[in-house]
PDB file of N, CA and C in Angstrom:
ATOM      1  N   MET A   1      86.759 114.430  79.026  1.00  0.00           N
ATOM      2  CA  MET A   1      87.476 114.385  80.209  1.00  0.00           C
ATOM      3  C   MET A   1      88.597 115.399  80.263  1.00  0.00           C
ATOM      4  N   THR A   2      89.408 115.570  79.131  1.00  0.00           N
ATOM      5  CA  THR A   2      90.475 116.432  78.980  1.00  0.00           C
ATOM      6  C   THR A   2      90.052 117.835  79.240  1.00  0.00           C
ATOM      7  N   THR A   3      88.842 118.219  78.542  1.00  0.00           N
ATOM      8  CA  THR A   3      88.377 119.494  78.678  1.00  0.00           C
ATOM      9  C   THR A   3      88.087 119.865  80.120  1.00  0.00           C
ATOM     10  N   LEU A   4      87.662 118.813  80.899  1.00  0.00           N
ATOM     11  CA  LEU A   4      87.263 119.068  82.306  1.00  0.00           C
ATOM     12  C   LEU A   4      88.596 119.378  83.121  1.00  0.00           C
ATOM     13  N   LEU A   5      89.660 118.591  82.684  1.00  0.00           N
ATOM     14  CA  LEU A   5      90.966 118.865  83.412  1.00  0.00           C
ATOM     15  C   LEU A   5      91.548 120.140  83.105  1.00  0.00           C
ATOM     16  N   VAL A   6      91.434 120.524  81.720  1.00  0.00           N
ATOM     17  CA  VAL A   6      91.995 121.876  81.352  1.00  0.00           C
ATOM     18  C   VAL A   6      91.129 122.949  82.079  1.00  0.00           C
ATOM     19  N   LEU A   7      89.914 122.789  82.093  1.00  0.00           N
ATOM     20  CA  LEU A   7      89.114 123.880  82.836  1.00  0.00           C
ATOM     21  C   LEU A   7      89.382 123.929  84.345  1.00  0.00           C
ATOM     22  N   LEU A   8      89.651 122.712  84.863  1.00  0.00           N
ATOM     23  CA  LEU A   8      89.978 122.678  86.276  1.00  0.00           C
ATOM     24  C   LEU A   8      91.273 123.433  86.476  1.00  0.00           C
ATOM     25  N   GLN A   9      92.354 123.186  85.713  1.00  0.00           N
ATOM     26  CA  GLN A   9      93.641 123.925  85.739  1.00  0.00           C
ATOM     27  C   GLN A   9      93.442 125.407  85.531  1.00  0.00           C
ATOM     28  N   ALA A  10      92.641 125.731  84.470  1.00  0.00           N
ATOM     29  CA  ALA A  10      92.486 127.243  84.292  1.00  0.00           C
ATOM     30  C   ALA A  10      91.791 127.909  85.373  1.00  0.00           C
ATOM     31  N   VAL A  11      90.625 127.360  85.930  1.00  0.00           N
ATOM     32  CA  VAL A  11      89.826 128.056  86.843  1.00  0.00           C
ATOM     33  C   VAL A  11      90.503 128.114  88.279  1.00  0.00           C
ATOM     34  N   THR A  12      90.902 126.884  88.709  1.00  0.00           N
ATOM     35  CA  THR A  12      91.432 126.879  90.139  1.00  0.00           C
ATOM     36  C   THR A  12      92.949 126.987  90.235  1.00  0.00           C
ATOM     37  N   ASN A  13      93.695 126.835  89.109  1.00  0.00           N
ATOM     38  CA  ASN A  13      95.069 126.953  89.152  1.00  0.00           C
ATOM     39  C   ASN A  13      95.665 125.876  90.045  1.00  0.00           C
ATOM     40  N   ILE A  14      95.026 124.741  89.928  1.00  0.00           N
ATOM     41  CA  ILE A  14      95.615 123.548  90.509  1.00  0.00           C
ATOM     42  C   ILE A  14      96.033 122.578  89.622  1.00  0.00           C
ATOM     43  N   SER A  15      97.210 121.972  89.884  1.00  0.00           N
ATOM     44  CA  SER A  15      97.735 120.944  88.967  1.00  0.00           C
ATOM     45  C   SER A  15      96.996 119.675  89.031  1.00  0.00           C
ATOM     46  N   ILE A  16      97.067 118.929  87.962  1.00  0.00           N
ATOM     47  CA  ILE A  16      96.433 117.623  88.033  1.00  0.00           C
ATOM     48  C   ILE A  16      97.096 116.672  89.049  1.00  0.00           C
ATOM     49  N   GLY A  17      98.336 116.894  89.398  1.00  0.00           N
ATOM     50  CA  GLY A  17      99.042 116.059  90.397  1.00  0.00           C
ATOM     51  C   GLY A  17      98.329 116.224  91.823  1.00  0.00           C
ATOM     52  N   TYR A  18      97.997 117.441  92.122  1.00  0.00           N
ATOM     53  CA  TYR A  18      97.237 117.690  93.356  1.00  0.00           C
ATOM     54  C   TYR A  18      95.988 116.976  93.446  1.00  0.00           C
ATOM     55  N   LEU A  19      95.343 117.101  92.281  1.00  0.00           N
ATOM     56  CA  LEU A  19      94.043 116.371  92.240  1.00  0.00           C
ATOM     57  C   LEU A  19      93.969 114.989  92.400  1.00  0.00           C
ATOM     58  N   GLY A  20      95.188 114.390  91.690  1.00  0.00           N
ATOM     59  CA  GLY A  20      95.262 112.998  91.772  1.00  0.00           C
ATOM     60  C   GLY A  20      95.681 112.500  93.226  1.00  0.00           C
ATOM     61  N   ALA A  21      96.486 113.257  93.903  1.00  0.00           N
ATOM     62  CA  ALA A  21      96.929 112.980  95.302  1.00  0.00           C
ATOM     63  C   ALA A  21      95.645 113.196  96.198  1.00  0.00           C
ATOM     64  N   ALA A  22      94.838 114.122  95.981  1.00  0.00           N
ATOM     65  CA  ALA A  22      93.639 114.201  96.804  1.00  0.00           C
ATOM     66  C   ALA A  22      92.777 112.958  96.629  1.00  0.00           C
ATOM     67  N   ILE A  23      92.582 112.608  95.384  1.00  0.00           N
ATOM     68  CA  ILE A  23      91.606 111.396  95.061  1.00  0.00           C
ATOM     69  C   ILE A  23      92.273 110.250  95.674  1.00  0.00           C
ATOM     70  N   GLY A  24      93.639 110.058  95.571  1.00  0.00           N
ATOM     71  CA  GLY A  24      94.346 108.904  96.074  1.00  0.00           C
ATOM     72  C   GLY A  24      94.223 108.660  97.563  1.00  0.00           C
ATOM     73  N   ALA A  25      94.374 109.830  98.278  1.00  0.00           N
ATOM     74  CA  ALA A  25      94.272 109.886  99.761  1.00  0.00           C
ATOM     75  C   ALA A  25      92.755 109.523 100.155  1.00  0.00           C
ATOM     76  N   GLY A  26      91.827 110.104  99.444  1.00  0.00           N
ATOM     77  CA  GLY A  26      90.477 109.814  99.708  1.00  0.00           C
ATOM     78  C   GLY A  26      90.050 108.380  99.487  1.00  0.00           C
ATOM     79  N   LEU A  27      90.711 107.847  98.461  1.00  0.00           N
ATOM     80  CA  LEU A  27      90.359 106.267  98.227  1.00  0.00           C
ATOM     81  C   LEU A  27      91.028 105.457  99.214  1.00  0.00           C
ATOM     82  N   ALA A  28      92.174 105.837  99.625  1.00  0.00           N
ATOM     83  CA  ALA A  28      92.928 105.041 100.714  1.00  0.00           C
ATOM     84  C   ALA A  28      92.080 105.081 101.958  1.00  0.00           C
ATOM     85  N   SER A  29      91.609 106.306 102.287  1.00  0.00           N
ATOM     86  CA  SER A  29      90.837 106.343 103.596  1.00  0.00           C
ATOM     87  C   SER A  29      89.515 105.577 103.431  1.00  0.00           C
ATOM     88  N   VAL A  30      88.798 105.628 102.324  1.00  0.00           N
ATOM     89  CA  VAL A  30      87.530 104.936 102.139  1.00  0.00           C
ATOM     90  C   VAL A  30      87.794 103.412 102.155  1.00  0.00           C
ATOM     91  N   GLY A  31      88.842 102.977 101.469  1.00  0.00           N
ATOM     92  CA  GLY A  31      89.208 101.459 101.432  1.00  0.00           C
ATOM     93  C   GLY A  31      89.537 101.018 102.822  1.00  0.00           C
ATOM     94  N   ALA A  32      90.218 101.865 103.606  1.00  0.00           N
ATOM     95  CA  ALA A  32      90.576 101.430 104.980  1.00  0.00           C
ATOM     96  C   ALA A  32      89.256 101.342 105.922  1.00  0.00           C
ATOM     97  N   GLY A  33      88.426 102.269 105.777  1.00  0.00           N
ATOM     98  CA  GLY A  33      87.218 102.241 106.460  1.00  0.00           C
ATOM     99  C   GLY A  33      86.399 101.030 106.114  1.00  0.00           C
ATOM    100  N   ILE A  34      86.345 100.623 104.906  1.00  0.00           N
ATOM    101  CA  ILE A  34      85.525  99.530 104.439  1.00  0.00           C
ATOM    102  C   ILE A  34      86.119  98.249 105.055  1.00  0.00           C
ATOM    103  N   GLY A  35      87.490  98.244 104.878  1.00  0.00           N
ATOM    104  CA  GLY A  35      88.306  96.984 105.397  1.00  0.00           C
ATOM    105  C   GLY A  35      88.149  96.835 106.846  1.00  0.00           C
ATOM    106  N   ILE A  36      88.257  97.966 107.708  1.00  0.00           N
ATOM    107  CA  ILE A  36      88.116  97.761 109.166  1.00  0.00           C
ATOM    108  C   ILE A  36      86.676  97.322 109.480  1.00  0.00           C
ATOM    109  N   GLY A  37      85.749  97.903 108.816  1.00  0.00           N
ATOM    110  CA  GLY A  37      84.288  97.621 109.009  1.00  0.00           C
ATOM    111  C   GLY A  37      84.103  96.021 108.705  1.00  0.00           C
ATOM    112  N   LYS A  38      84.572  95.503 107.739  1.00  0.00           N
ATOM    113  CA  LYS A  38      84.503  94.084 107.455  1.00  0.00           C
ATOM    114  C   LYS A  38      85.313  93.233 108.451  1.00  0.00           C
ATOM    115  N   ILE A  39      86.474  93.782 108.991  1.00  0.00           N
ATOM    116  CA  ILE A  39      87.089  93.045 110.092  1.00  0.00           C
ATOM    117  C   ILE A  39      86.187  92.979 111.402  1.00  0.00           C
ATOM    118  N   GLY A  40      85.699  94.153 111.626  1.00  0.00           N
ATOM    119  CA  GLY A  40      84.812  94.200 112.873  1.00  0.00           C
ATOM    120  C   GLY A  40      83.432  93.300 112.699  1.00  0.00           C
ATOM    121  N   GLN A  41      82.955  93.341 111.522  1.00  0.00           N
ATOM    122  CA  GLN A  41      81.856  92.412 111.266  1.00  0.00           C
ATOM    123  C   GLN A  41      82.126  91.034 111.475  1.00  0.00           C
ATOM    124  N   GLY A  42      83.212  90.577 110.881  1.00  0.00           N
ATOM    125  CA  GLY A  42      83.720  89.257 111.078  1.00  0.00           C
ATOM    126  C   GLY A  42      83.986  88.951 112.439  1.00  0.00           C
ATOM    127  N   ALA A  43      84.575  89.730 113.092  1.00  0.00           N
ATOM    128  CA  ALA A  43      84.864  89.463 114.753  1.00  0.00           C
ATOM    129  C   ALA A  43      83.602  89.410 115.472  1.00  0.00           C
ATOM    130  N   MET A  44      82.671  90.253 115.176  1.00  0.00           N
ATOM    131  CA  MET A  44      81.386  90.151 115.834  1.00  0.00           C
ATOM    132  C   MET A  44      80.697  88.859 115.637  1.00  0.00           C
ATOM    133  N   GLU A  45      80.655  88.502 114.350  1.00  0.00           N
ATOM    134  CA  GLU A  45      79.975  87.156 114.052  1.00  0.00           C
ATOM    135  C   GLU A  45      80.792  86.029 114.692  1.00  0.00           C
ATOM    136  N   GLY A  46      82.046  86.080 114.705  1.00  0.00           N
ATOM    137  CA  GLY A  46      82.776  85.069 115.304  1.00  0.00           C
ATOM    138  C   GLY A  46      82.583  85.015 116.908  1.00  0.00           C
ATOM    139  N   MET A  47      82.573  86.126 117.642  1.00  0.00           N
ATOM    140  CA  MET A  47      82.268  86.172 118.957  1.00  0.00           C
ATOM    141  C   MET A  47      80.849  85.752 119.340  1.00  0.00           C
ATOM    142  N   ALA A  48      79.866  86.039 118.419  1.00  0.00           N
ATOM    143  CA  ALA A  48      78.496  85.551 118.562  1.00  0.00           C
ATOM    144  C   ALA A  48      78.484  83.976 118.492  1.00  0.00           C
ATOM    145  N   ARG A  49      79.235  83.492 117.702  1.00  0.00           N
ATOM    146  CA  ARG A  49      79.159  81.963 117.494  1.00  0.00           C
ATOM    147  C   ARG A  49      79.998  81.263 118.506  1.00  0.00           C
ATOM    148  N   GLN A  50      81.034  81.840 119.022  1.00  0.00           N
ATOM    149  CA  GLN A  50      81.907  81.206 120.052  1.00  0.00           C
ATOM    150  C   GLN A  50      82.245  82.275 121.048  1.00  0.00           C
ATOM    151  N   PRO A  51      81.355  82.519 122.102  1.00  0.00           N
ATOM    152  CA  PRO A  51      81.771  83.477 123.049  1.00  0.00           C
ATOM    153  C   PRO A  51      82.932  83.159 123.963  1.00  0.00           C
ATOM    154  N   GLU A  52      83.325  81.921 124.070  1.00  0.00           N
ATOM    155  CA  GLU A  52      84.477  81.553 124.799  1.00  0.00           C
ATOM    156  C   GLU A  52      85.799  81.942 124.100  1.00  0.00           C
ATOM    157  N   ALA A  53      85.837  82.226 122.860  1.00  0.00           N
ATOM    158  CA  ALA A  53      86.937  82.609 122.197  1.00  0.00           C
ATOM    159  C   ALA A  53      87.036  84.138 121.865  1.00  0.00           C
ATOM    160  N   SER A  54      86.137  84.913 122.620  1.00  0.00           N
ATOM    161  CA  SER A  54      86.093  86.303 122.309  1.00  0.00           C
ATOM    162  C   SER A  54      87.354  87.060 122.549  1.00  0.00           C
ATOM    163  N   GLY A  55      88.110  86.710 123.567  1.00  0.00           N
ATOM    164  CA  GLY A  55      89.391  87.292 123.814  1.00  0.00           C
ATOM    165  C   GLY A  55      90.510  87.215 122.653  1.00  0.00           C
ATOM    166  N   ASP A  56      90.581  86.024 122.157  1.00  0.00           N
ATOM    167  CA  ASP A  56      91.475  85.782 121.083  1.00  0.00           C
ATOM    168  C   ASP A  56      91.018  86.503 119.754  1.00  0.00           C
ATOM    169  N   ILE A  57      89.722  86.410 119.546  1.00  0.00           N
ATOM    170  CA  ILE A  57      89.241  87.098 118.402  1.00  0.00           C
ATOM    171  C   ILE A  57      89.409  88.639 118.486  1.00  0.00           C
ATOM    172  N   ARG A  58      89.176  89.155 119.590  1.00  0.00           N
ATOM    173  CA  ARG A  58      89.280  90.593 119.776  1.00  0.00           C
ATOM    174  C   ARG A  58      90.693  91.020 119.521  1.00  0.00           C
ATOM    175  N   SER A  59      91.756  90.292 120.090  1.00  0.00           N
ATOM    176  CA  SER A  59      93.118  90.728 119.825  1.00  0.00           C
ATOM    177  C   SER A  59      93.580  90.663 118.428  1.00  0.00           C
ATOM    178  N   THR A  60      93.051  89.512 117.817  1.00  0.00           N
ATOM    179  CA  THR A  60      93.357  89.377 116.406  1.00  0.00           C
ATOM    180  C   THR A  60      92.751  90.460 115.540  1.00  0.00           C
ATOM    181  N   MET A  61      91.605  90.804 115.883  1.00  0.00           N
ATOM    182  CA  MET A  61      90.875  91.925 115.173  1.00  0.00           C
ATOM    183  C   MET A  61      91.497  93.264 115.287  1.00  0.00           C
ATOM    184  N   ILE A  62      92.067  93.539 116.521  1.00  0.00           N
ATOM    185  CA  ILE A  62      92.770  94.752 116.793  1.00  0.00           C
ATOM    186  C   ILE A  62      94.063  94.771 116.017  1.00  0.00           C
ATOM    187  N   ILE A  63      94.798  93.619 115.847  1.00  0.00           N
ATOM    188  CA  ILE A  63      96.016  93.616 115.112  1.00  0.00           C
ATOM    189  C   ILE A  63      95.751  93.762 113.732  1.00  0.00           C
ATOM    190  N   ALA A  64      94.721  93.162 113.174  1.00  0.00           N
ATOM    191  CA  ALA A  64      94.382  93.292 111.753  1.00  0.00           C
ATOM    192  C   ALA A  64      93.942  94.586 111.387  1.00  0.00           C
ATOM    193  N   ALA A  65      93.170  95.248 112.277  1.00  0.00           N
ATOM    194  CA  ALA A  65      92.703  96.596 112.111  1.00  0.00           C
ATOM    195  C   ALA A  65      93.826  97.595 111.964  1.00  0.00           C
ATOM    196  N   ALA A  66      94.798  97.318 112.909  1.00  0.00           N
ATOM    197  CA  ALA A  66      95.983  98.221 112.915  1.00  0.00           C
ATOM    198  C   ALA A  66      96.901  98.095 111.668  1.00  0.00           C
ATOM    199  N   LEU A  67      97.003  96.912 111.238  1.00  0.00           N
ATOM    200  CA  LEU A  67      97.659  96.710 109.899  1.00  0.00           C
ATOM    201  C   LEU A  67      97.056  97.395 108.803  1.00  0.00           C
ATOM    202  N   VAL A  68      95.643  97.267 108.709  1.00  0.00           N
ATOM    203  CA  VAL A  68      94.916  97.994 107.697  1.00  0.00           C
ATOM    204  C   VAL A  68      95.079  99.432 107.778  1.00  0.00           C
ATOM    205  N   GLU A  69      95.008  99.986 108.963  1.00  0.00           N
ATOM    206  CA  GLU A  69      95.095 101.435 109.132  1.00  0.00           C
ATOM    207  C   GLU A  69      96.519 101.931 108.803  1.00  0.00           C
ATOM    208  N   GLY A  70      97.572 101.029 109.199  1.00  0.00           N
ATOM    209  CA  GLY A  70      98.848 101.372 108.783  1.00  0.00           C
ATOM    210  C   GLY A  70      99.193 101.506 107.197  1.00  0.00           C
ATOM    211  N   VAL A  71      98.526 100.617 106.532  1.00  0.00           N
ATOM    212  CA  VAL A  71      98.702 100.663 105.110  1.00  0.00           C
ATOM    213  C   VAL A  71      97.893 101.887 104.423  1.00  0.00           C
ATOM    214  N   ALA A  72      96.850 102.229 105.107  1.00  0.00           N
ATOM    215  CA  ALA A  72      96.070 103.470 104.548  1.00  0.00           C
ATOM    216  C   ALA A  72      96.843 104.653 104.906  1.00  0.00           C
ATOM    217  N   PHE A  73      97.508 104.694 106.057  1.00  0.00           N
ATOM    218  CA  PHE A  73      98.247 105.735 106.500  1.00  0.00           C
ATOM    219  C   PHE A  73      99.556 106.023 105.485  1.00  0.00           C
ATOM    220  N   PHE A  74     100.056 104.854 105.112  1.00  0.00           N
ATOM    221  CA  PHE A  74     101.123 104.810 104.238  1.00  0.00           C
ATOM    222  C   PHE A  74     100.762 105.343 102.738  1.00  0.00           C
ATOM    223  N   ALA A  75      99.605 104.991 102.333  1.00  0.00           N
ATOM    224  CA  ALA A  75      99.132 105.329 101.129  1.00  0.00           C
ATOM    225  C   ALA A  75      98.791 106.975 101.073  1.00  0.00           C
ATOM    226  N   ALA A  76      98.301 107.368 102.206  1.00  0.00           N
ATOM    227  CA  ALA A  76      97.829 108.793 102.340  1.00  0.00           C
ATOM    228  C   ALA A  76      99.259 109.596 102.271  1.00  0.00           C
ATOM    229  N   VAL A  77     100.239 109.206 102.977  1.00  0.00           N
ATOM    230  CA  VAL A  77     101.556 109.858 103.188  1.00  0.00           C
ATOM    231  C   VAL A  77     102.134 109.867 101.665  1.00  0.00           C
ATOM    232  N   ILE A  78     102.094 108.864 100.845  1.00  0.00           N
ATOM    233  CA  ILE A  78     102.551 108.789  99.601  1.00  0.00           C
ATOM    234  C   ILE A  78     101.904 109.820  98.751  1.00  0.00           C
ATOM    235  N   CYS A  79     100.553 109.833  98.838  1.00  0.00           N
ATOM    236  CA  CYS A  79      99.733 110.856  98.060  1.00  0.00           C
ATOM    237  C   CYS A  79     100.105 112.202  98.457  1.00  0.00           C
ATOM    238  N   LEU A  80     100.338 112.490  99.745  1.00  0.00           N
ATOM    239  CA  LEU A  80     100.861 113.840 100.120  1.00  0.00           C
ATOM    240  C   LEU A  80     102.271 114.251  99.695  1.00  0.00           C
ATOM    241  N   LEU A  81     103.044 113.202  99.574  1.00  0.00           N
ATOM    242  CA  LEU A  81     104.414 113.484  99.061  1.00  0.00           C
ATOM    243  C   LEU A  81     104.515 113.785  97.644  1.00  0.00           C
ATOM    244  N   VAL A  82     103.539 113.284  96.978  1.00  0.00           N
ATOM    245  CA  VAL A  82     103.354 113.653  95.499  1.00  0.00           C
ATOM    246  C   VAL A  82     103.193 115.099  95.374  1.00  0.00           C
ATOM    247  N   THR A  83     102.294 115.621  96.184  1.00  0.00           N
ATOM    248  CA  THR A  83     102.112 117.135  96.047  1.00  0.00           C
ATOM    249  C   THR A  83     103.275 117.977  96.394  1.00  0.00           C
ATOM    250  N   LEU A  84     104.299 117.418  97.131  1.00  0.00           N
ATOM    251  CA  LEU A  84     105.437 118.222  97.495  1.00  0.00           C
ATOM    252  C   LEU A  84     106.400 118.187  96.355  1.00  0.00           C
ATOM    253  N   LYS A  85     106.343 117.304  95.437  1.00  0.00           N
ATOM    254  CA  LYS A  85     107.460 117.073  94.584  1.00  0.00           C
ATOM    255  C   LYS A  85     107.198 118.063  93.488  1.00  0.00           C
TER     256      LYS A  85
END
């Protein structure tokens, strides 16, 4: 593994911090996508079971998705700030 990192630095002249920040931002995006998908899945199942509560379920789903997206955005910003340091 270390030889791969040394070769990566030698060939592309990119530091390991940049690579770590890119991987971190990617993982944050993938995690948020999976989380929002699970929220949507649960909301759709809940609306199918109780159509009369669809308004409450929808608003709760939107709030939860916004919170997940906010955390993912925060993680991506932190990863990008690492590259500036």
